[in-house]
Amino acid sequence: MSEPERKNKGLFGRLFGAAQTTSTHTDHTVDVASTADTEKAVEVETDHAMTPPDEASAEDIQIQADPEPAKVGWFQRLKAGLGKTSAKLSDGITGLFTKRKLDEATLEDLEDLLIQSDIGLVTAQKIIDAISKGRFEKGISADEVRSILSDEVERVLGRVAKPLVIDPARKPHVIMMVGVNGTGKTTTIGKLASKFRRDGLTVVLAAGDTFRAAAIDQLKVWGERAGCQVISRAVGSDSSGLAFDALKEAQALGADVLLLDTAGRLQNKKVLMEELEKVTRVLKKLDESAPHDVVLVLDATTGQNALSQVEVFGAQAGVTGLVMTKLDGTARGGILVAISEKFGLPVHAIGVGEGTDDLQPFEAAEFARAIAQS
């Protein structure tokens, strides 16, 4: 199968499905102090048992300058990024189907391989069914198995590969980013902001992770690079108050998009998860429909734990879509298939590197071909 031709329309149109707008503004960072009016509108947070700030987090890493433009296309970078996952699958398939007929033992070994690759039990069983149909006790090549694997993965992912649509009638369209520590939320926000700005949209960034100085500073750097206004407060400030102030400021500016960062939290910490519900309640004081999207950022290296994250964040934060990062650093990229099969949430984008262009629209066919090496 040949590599798809690169589309000529802008990346924003592919990833976010919205018409371009043009607007200008003065780029600066605003440190917002609590006001009496805000205090009336915002409930007081009482429990901030956040993850200790001295814990290591991938988001604490200093932002690096974008690498030189890649000489290879996105599909080749995706294929390379998924190399660990695809190698585990492909090598295992080659070992199973070299000079070996398709029998019960072979099918059991293949099912084990698929499950160990985090494809998921349901999808693994469907692949086994598709392979065994009409071929039992007959020979089958490794390439045929890879082709069936690719088709089944594309079938699962094709239903969830959807753009994040920005409504131009909303001023602003509010996107709240959530997830556990270290998934790359802040970096993902910076990359999205850069793409929005390149397509002519005005963007406000809200440094809602008020418990990590590094996250606030990192978002300010991204804001400066992308030409976005950043709303921030001192470390330890009320995160829901920050969200309220940021939306109020974005409304006053007539901004197209508000990207709201939130503090990383473990999905099994009830009090911390309830804080996300509070942020949502506060936003609704200014816009009953906000947030318009709640995007969960997942780290592919966490494997099966990502299933629990989707379940809990979905129930308590009202997740509307997913972004998966760090697919280039793991052999567990198949977890995206298991998540999609179980939850059916839209997958907006995936990341396979540190550069801005390493976060790209999610396309099921490309992912399936890359993971199956078909």
Protein backbone atom coordinates (compact mmCIF):
# COMPACT_ATOMS: atom_id res chain seq x y z
CA MET A 1 0.00 0.00 0.00
CA SER A 2 1.54 3.34 -1.00
CA GLU A 3 1.93 6.21 1.42
CA PRO A 4 -1.04 8.61 1.28
CA GLU A 5 -0.41 11.81 -0.59
CA ARG A 6 0.14 14.81 1.61
CA LYS A 7 -2.94 17.00 1.68
CA ASN A 8 -2.52 20.57 0.52
CA LYS A 9 -4.94 22.27 2.91
CA GLY A 10 -3.65 23.66 6.19
CA LEU A 11 -3.03 21.47 9.20
CA PHE A 12 -5.62 23.36 11.23
CA GLY A 13 -8.32 22.40 8.73
CA ARG A 14 -7.32 18.73 9.04
CA LEU A 15 -6.91 18.64 12.80
CA PHE A 16 -9.59 21.02 13.98
CA GLY A 17 -12.09 21.28 11.13
CA ALA A 18 -12.65 25.03 11.44
CA ALA A 19 -12.41 27.87 8.98
CA GLN A 20 -9.47 30.20 9.43
CA THR A 21 -10.02 33.61 10.94
CA THR A 22 -7.74 36.59 11.04
CA SER A 23 -7.17 38.78 14.04
CA THR A 24 -4.32 40.50 15.80
CA HIS A 25 -3.55 41.31 19.40
CA THR A 26 -0.76 42.46 21.65
CA ASP A 27 1.25 39.49 22.83
CA HIS A 28 1.93 39.56 26.55
CA THR A 29 1.68 37.59 29.75
CA VAL A 30 -0.74 38.61 32.48
CA ASP A 31 -0.35 37.67 36.14
CA VAL A 32 -3.83 37.89 37.57
CA ALA A 33 -4.36 38.84 41.20
CA SER A 34 -7.49 37.70 43.03
CA THR A 35 -10.20 40.36 43.11
CA ALA A 36 -13.24 40.84 45.28
CA ASP A 37 -15.54 40.20 42.35
CA THR A 38 -13.78 36.96 41.52
CA GLU A 39 -13.96 35.81 45.12
CA LYS A 40 -17.73 36.22 45.05
CA ALA A 41 -18.00 34.11 41.95
CA VAL A 42 -15.53 31.44 42.88
CA GLU A 43 -15.81 28.86 45.66
CA VAL A 44 -12.82 28.60 47.96
CA GLU A 45 -10.69 25.51 47.57
CA THR A 46 -9.80 23.87 50.86
CA ASP A 47 -7.80 20.76 50.10
CA HIS A 48 -4.75 20.87 47.86
CA ALA A 49 -3.20 17.47 48.44
CA MET A 50 -1.57 17.61 45.06
CA THR A 51 1.27 15.42 43.91
CA PRO A 52 4.43 16.73 45.64
CA PRO A 53 6.07 19.39 43.45
CA ASP A 54 9.48 17.74 43.74
CA GLU A 55 8.32 14.56 41.99
CA ALA A 56 9.93 14.05 38.63
CA SER A 57 7.65 14.92 35.73
CA ALA A 58 8.23 14.88 32.01
CA GLU A 59 6.54 18.28 31.86
CA ASP A 60 9.32 19.78 34.00
CA ILE A 61 11.80 19.27 31.20
CA GLN A 62 12.89 22.54 29.67
CA ILE A 63 11.30 23.27 26.32
CA GLN A 64 13.72 22.52 23.54
CA ALA A 65 13.95 24.38 20.30
CA ASP A 66 12.15 22.66 17.47
CA PRO A 67 14.44 20.44 15.42
CA GLU A 68 15.24 21.22 11.83
CA PRO A 69 12.39 20.40 9.45
CA ALA A 70 12.19 16.66 8.91
CA LYS A 71 13.31 15.37 5.57
CA VAL A 72 10.80 12.54 5.72
CA GLY A 73 7.01 12.70 5.67
CA TRP A 74 4.68 12.24 8.63
CA PHE A 75 3.92 8.62 7.85
CA GLN A 76 7.59 7.70 7.93
CA ARG A 77 8.00 9.51 11.24
CA LEU A 78 4.91 7.76 12.59
CA LYS A 79 6.23 4.41 11.40
CA ALA A 80 9.57 5.10 13.06
CA GLY A 81 7.87 6.32 16.21
CA LEU A 82 5.79 3.16 16.47
CA GLY A 83 8.87 1.07 15.72
CA LYS A 84 9.07 -0.50 19.18
CA THR A 85 5.41 -1.52 19.12
CA SER A 86 5.45 -2.76 15.53
CA ALA A 87 8.74 -4.64 15.96
CA LYS A 88 7.35 -6.58 18.90
CA LEU A 89 4.27 -7.53 16.89
CA SER A 90 5.97 -8.13 13.56
CA ASP A 91 8.84 -10.19 14.92
CA GLY A 92 6.43 -12.27 16.97
CA ILE A 93 4.20 -12.89 13.95
CA THR A 94 7.18 -13.87 11.83
CA GLY A 95 8.29 -16.33 14.46
CA LEU A 96 4.84 -17.89 14.75
CA PHE A 97 4.07 -18.27 11.07
CA THR A 98 7.37 -19.40 9.61
CA LYS A 99 6.95 -22.97 8.38
CA ARG A 100 4.01 -23.54 10.68
CA LYS A 101 0.40 -24.36 9.88
CA LEU A 102 -2.54 -22.58 11.43
CA ASP A 103 -3.66 -24.74 14.32
CA GLU A 104 -5.08 -24.26 17.80
CA ALA A 105 -1.67 -23.87 19.42
CA THR A 106 -0.58 -21.23 16.89
CA LEU A 107 -3.77 -19.25 17.39
CA GLU A 108 -3.34 -19.31 21.16
CA ASP A 109 0.25 -18.09 20.82
CA LEU A 110 -0.88 -15.31 18.48
CA GLU A 111 -3.62 -14.23 20.86
CA ASP A 112 -1.08 -14.07 23.70
CA LEU A 113 1.22 -11.94 21.53
CA LEU A 114 -1.57 -9.50 20.70
CA ILE A 115 -2.68 -9.17 24.32
CA GLN A 116 0.90 -8.67 25.50
CA SER A 117 1.16 -5.86 22.94
CA ASP A 118 -1.77 -4.14 24.70
CA ILE A 119 -4.08 -4.53 21.70
CA GLY A 120 -6.82 -5.65 24.08
CA LEU A 121 -8.69 -8.91 24.54
CA VAL A 122 -11.73 -7.98 22.44
CA THR A 123 -9.72 -6.84 19.44
CA ALA A 124 -7.30 -9.78 19.80
CA GLN A 125 -10.19 -12.24 19.66
CA LYS A 126 -11.63 -10.56 16.57
CA ILE A 127 -8.25 -10.77 14.84
CA ILE A 128 -8.00 -14.46 15.73
CA ASP A 129 -11.50 -15.07 14.37
CA ALA A 130 -10.68 -13.27 11.12
CA ILE A 131 -7.44 -15.22 10.66
CA SER A 132 -8.88 -18.64 11.45
CA LYS A 133 -11.95 -18.28 9.24
CA GLY A 134 -11.50 -20.61 6.26
CA ARG A 135 -7.80 -21.14 6.99
CA PHE A 136 -7.75 -23.57 9.91
CA GLU A 137 -5.27 -26.44 9.46
CA LYS A 138 -3.90 -24.67 6.38
CA GLY A 139 -0.79 -22.63 5.77
CA ILE A 140 -0.81 -18.86 6.21
CA SER A 141 2.03 -16.40 5.74
CA ALA A 142 3.22 -13.80 8.19
CA ASP A 143 2.38 -11.07 5.65
CA GLU A 144 -1.22 -12.28 5.47
CA VAL A 145 -1.47 -12.12 9.25
CA ARG A 146 -0.05 -8.59 9.27
CA SER A 147 -2.57 -7.55 6.64
CA ILE A 148 -5.47 -8.90 8.72
CA LEU A 149 -4.05 -7.20 11.81
CA SER A 150 -3.86 -3.89 9.93
CA ASP A 151 -7.45 -4.21 8.67
CA GLU A 152 -8.84 -5.00 12.13
CA VAL A 153 -6.91 -2.16 13.81
CA GLU A 154 -8.14 0.27 11.16
CA ARG A 155 -11.71 -0.95 11.68
CA VAL A 156 -11.52 -0.20 15.39
CA LEU A 157 -9.74 3.13 15.07
CA GLY A 158 -11.64 4.37 12.05
CA ARG A 159 -14.67 4.99 14.24
CA VAL A 160 -12.80 7.27 16.64
CA ALA A 161 -10.43 9.24 14.41
CA LYS A 162 -12.18 12.61 14.59
CA PRO A 163 -10.98 16.21 14.44
CA LEU A 164 -11.35 18.62 17.32
CA VAL A 165 -13.85 21.03 15.81
CA ILE A 166 -13.55 24.66 16.88
CA ASP A 167 -16.83 26.57 16.79
CA PRO A 168 -16.07 30.06 15.41
CA ALA A 169 -19.29 31.37 16.98
CA ARG A 170 -17.87 30.82 20.46
CA LYS A 171 -15.68 33.60 21.77
CA PRO A 172 -13.80 31.77 23.07
CA HIS A 173 -14.07 28.06 22.39
CA VAL A 174 -12.90 26.64 25.73
CA ILE A 175 -10.72 23.52 25.74
CA MET A 176 -9.81 22.11 29.14
CA MET A 177 -6.82 19.75 29.12
CA VAL A 178 -6.72 17.07 31.83
CA GLY A 179 -4.58 14.07 32.76
CA VAL A 180 -2.15 12.64 35.28
CA ASN A 181 1.28 14.10 35.96
CA GLY A 182 3.88 13.60 33.27
CA THR A 183 1.62 12.87 30.31
CA GLY A 184 2.65 16.04 28.48
CA LYS A 185 -0.44 18.22 28.98
CA THR A 186 1.44 21.50 29.09
CA THR A 187 3.61 20.61 26.11
CA THR A 188 0.56 19.48 24.15
CA ILE A 189 -1.17 22.79 24.92
CA GLY A 190 1.87 24.64 23.61
CA LYS A 191 1.90 22.63 20.40
CA LEU A 192 -1.83 23.13 19.85
CA ALA A 193 -1.49 26.84 20.52
CA SER A 194 1.28 27.11 17.94
CA LYS A 195 -0.86 25.39 15.33
CA PHE A 196 -3.88 27.58 16.12
CA ARG A 197 -1.80 30.74 15.84
CA ARG A 198 -0.27 29.69 12.53
CA ASP A 199 -3.79 29.42 11.20
CA GLY A 200 -4.71 32.93 12.25
CA LEU A 201 -6.65 32.33 15.46
CA THR A 202 -6.26 34.35 18.62
CA VAL A 203 -5.45 32.09 21.55
CA VAL A 204 -5.35 32.65 25.30
CA LEU A 205 -3.50 30.17 27.51
CA ALA A 206 -4.50 29.64 31.14
CA ALA A 207 -1.82 28.30 33.51
CA GLY A 208 -4.27 26.30 35.61
CA ASP A 209 -1.62 23.97 37.00
CA THR A 210 -1.08 26.36 39.89
CA PHE A 211 0.78 23.81 42.00
CA ARG A 212 3.89 23.52 39.84
CA ALA A 213 6.05 26.55 39.16
CA ALA A 214 7.67 24.65 36.30
CA ALA A 215 4.31 24.19 34.56
CA ILE A 216 3.51 27.90 34.83
CA ASP A 217 6.93 28.91 33.52
CA GLN A 218 6.75 26.33 30.74
CA LEU A 219 3.38 27.62 29.56
CA LYS A 220 4.70 31.19 29.56
CA VAL A 221 7.56 30.11 27.31
CA TRP A 222 5.14 28.39 24.94
CA GLY A 223 2.93 31.49 24.98
CA GLU A 224 5.86 33.72 24.08
CA ARG A 225 6.92 31.42 21.27
CA ALA A 226 3.41 31.13 19.83
CA GLY A 227 2.39 34.74 20.38
CA CYS A 228 -0.38 33.95 22.86
CA GLN A 229 -1.49 35.81 25.95
CA VAL A 230 -0.97 33.76 29.13
CA ILE A 231 -3.10 34.15 32.24
CA SER A 232 -1.29 33.01 35.37
CA ARG A 233 -1.22 33.37 39.15
CA ALA A 234 1.29 32.73 41.90
CA VAL A 235 2.14 29.12 42.73
CA GLY A 236 -0.44 27.63 45.10
CA SER A 237 -3.27 29.91 44.01
CA ASP A 238 -6.86 28.77 43.63
CA SER A 239 -7.02 26.91 40.29
CA SER A 240 -10.76 27.41 39.82
CA GLY A 241 -10.32 31.15 40.42
CA LEU A 242 -7.62 31.20 37.77
CA ALA A 243 -9.96 29.45 35.34
CA PHE A 244 -12.69 32.00 36.03
CA ASP A 245 -10.34 34.95 35.49
CA ALA A 246 -8.89 33.43 32.32
CA LEU A 247 -12.28 32.90 30.71
CA LYS A 248 -13.38 36.40 31.69
CA GLU A 249 -10.25 37.87 30.12
CA ALA A 250 -10.58 35.74 26.97
CA GLN A 251 -14.19 36.88 26.58
CA ALA A 252 -13.16 40.51 26.94
CA LEU A 253 -10.51 40.03 24.26
CA GLY A 254 -12.90 38.25 21.91
CA ALA A 255 -10.37 35.41 21.66
CA ASP A 256 -11.09 32.45 19.40
CA VAL A 257 -9.72 29.77 21.72
CA LEU A 258 -8.98 29.41 25.44
CA LEU A 259 -6.66 26.51 26.25
CA LEU A 260 -6.87 25.73 29.95
CA ASP A 261 -4.09 23.73 31.59
CA THR A 262 -4.93 21.83 34.79
CA ALA A 263 -2.85 20.27 37.52
CA GLY A 264 -1.87 16.66 37.00
CA ARG A 265 -3.63 14.31 39.36
CA LEU A 266 -3.84 10.59 39.92
CA GLN A 267 -7.17 9.15 38.87
CA ASN A 268 -7.57 7.33 42.21
CA LYS A 269 -7.45 10.53 44.30
CA LYS A 270 -11.10 11.46 44.81
CA VAL A 271 -10.55 14.92 46.30
CA LEU A 272 -8.27 15.95 43.45
CA MET A 273 -10.66 14.63 40.82
CA GLU A 274 -13.48 16.61 42.43
CA GLU A 275 -11.43 19.78 41.89
CA LEU A 276 -11.88 19.30 38.15
CA GLU A 277 -15.64 19.27 38.66
CA LYS A 278 -15.28 22.53 40.57
CA VAL A 279 -13.34 24.14 37.70
CA THR A 280 -16.15 23.15 35.35
CA ARG A 281 -18.80 24.66 37.67
CA VAL A 282 -16.88 27.92 37.85
CA LEU A 283 -16.51 28.17 34.07
CA LYS A 284 -20.26 27.73 33.69
CA LYS A 285 -20.83 30.89 35.75
CA LEU A 286 -19.54 32.82 32.73
CA ASP A 287 -20.57 30.46 29.92
CA GLU A 288 -23.15 27.75 30.59
CA SER A 289 -21.81 25.66 27.72
CA ALA A 290 -18.15 25.74 28.84
CA PRO A 291 -15.90 23.89 28.69
CA HIS A 292 -16.72 23.00 25.11
CA ASP A 293 -14.13 20.25 24.98
CA VAL A 294 -12.41 18.30 27.75
CA VAL A 295 -9.36 16.60 26.26
CA LEU A 296 -7.60 13.85 28.19
CA VAL A 297 -3.87 13.62 27.41
CA LEU A 298 -2.60 10.04 27.73
CA ASP A 299 0.98 8.80 27.91
CA ALA A 300 1.33 5.69 25.73
CA THR A 301 4.09 4.34 27.97
CA THR A 302 1.61 3.73 30.82
CA GLY A 303 0.03 0.83 28.92
CA GLN A 304 -2.96 -0.76 30.63
CA ASN A 305 -3.12 1.95 33.31
CA ALA A 306 -4.39 4.29 30.61
CA LEU A 307 -7.68 2.34 30.58
CA SER A 308 -8.28 3.29 34.20
CA GLN A 309 -7.42 6.92 33.48
CA VAL A 310 -9.97 7.12 30.68
CA GLU A 311 -12.66 5.54 32.84
CA VAL A 312 -12.19 7.79 35.88
CA PHE A 313 -11.48 11.06 34.08
CA GLY A 314 -14.39 10.34 31.77
CA ALA A 315 -16.79 9.91 34.69
CA GLN A 316 -15.62 12.88 36.75
CA ALA A 317 -14.32 15.38 34.23
CA GLY A 318 -16.65 14.66 31.31
CA VAL A 319 -13.87 13.83 28.85
CA THR A 320 -14.93 14.45 25.25
CA GLY A 321 -11.78 13.36 23.40
CA LEU A 322 -8.22 12.07 23.63
CA VAL A 323 -4.68 12.95 22.65
CA MET A 324 -2.03 10.24 23.04
CA THR A 325 1.60 11.25 23.46
CA LYS A 326 4.99 9.50 23.63
CA LEU A 327 4.14 6.75 21.15
CA ASP A 328 7.77 6.88 20.07
CA GLY A 329 9.06 5.78 23.46
CA THR A 330 7.22 2.53 24.06
CA ALA A 331 6.36 -0.91 22.75
CA ARG A 332 2.86 -0.45 24.18
CA GLY A 333 1.32 1.68 21.45
CA GLY A 334 -1.35 -0.96 20.95
CA ILE A 335 -3.11 0.41 24.05
CA LEU A 336 -4.78 3.03 21.85
CA VAL A 337 -6.62 0.20 20.10
CA ALA A 338 -7.84 -1.27 23.40
CA ILE A 339 -8.98 2.16 24.63
CA SER A 340 -10.84 2.86 21.41
CA GLU A 341 -12.54 -0.53 21.41
CA LYS A 342 -13.72 -0.12 25.00
CA PHE A 343 -14.68 3.56 25.21
CA GLY A 344 -15.17 4.81 21.66
CA LEU A 345 -14.00 8.34 22.54
CA PRO A 346 -12.75 10.55 19.69
CA VAL A 347 -8.98 10.49 19.20
CA HIS A 348 -7.96 13.94 17.99
CA ALA A 349 -4.19 13.73 17.69
CA ILE A 350 -1.12 11.64 18.52
CA GLY A 351 2.45 12.57 19.34
CA VAL A 352 5.67 10.80 18.36
CA GLY A 353 8.34 13.30 19.37
CA GLU A 354 9.32 16.60 20.99
CA GLY A 355 8.93 18.92 18.00
CA THR A 356 5.80 20.96 17.33
CA ASP A 357 5.18 19.04 14.12
CA ASP A 358 5.43 15.72 15.96
CA LEU A 359 1.86 16.23 17.18
CA GLN A 360 -0.38 15.45 14.22
CA PRO A 361 -4.00 14.68 13.38
CA PHE A 362 -4.91 11.09 14.12
CA GLU A 363 -5.60 9.00 11.03
CA ALA A 364 -6.62 5.39 11.55
CA ALA A 365 -5.30 3.94 8.29
CA GLU A 366 -1.82 5.37 8.80
CA PHE A 367 -1.66 4.16 12.38
CA ALA A 368 -2.84 0.66 11.42
CA ARG A 369 -0.28 0.35 8.63
CA ALA A 370 2.51 1.59 10.86
CA ILE A 371 1.73 -0.68 13.79
CA ALA A 372 1.29 -3.78 11.61
CA GLN A 373 4.19 -3.00 9.27
CA SER A 374 1.85 -3.88 6.42
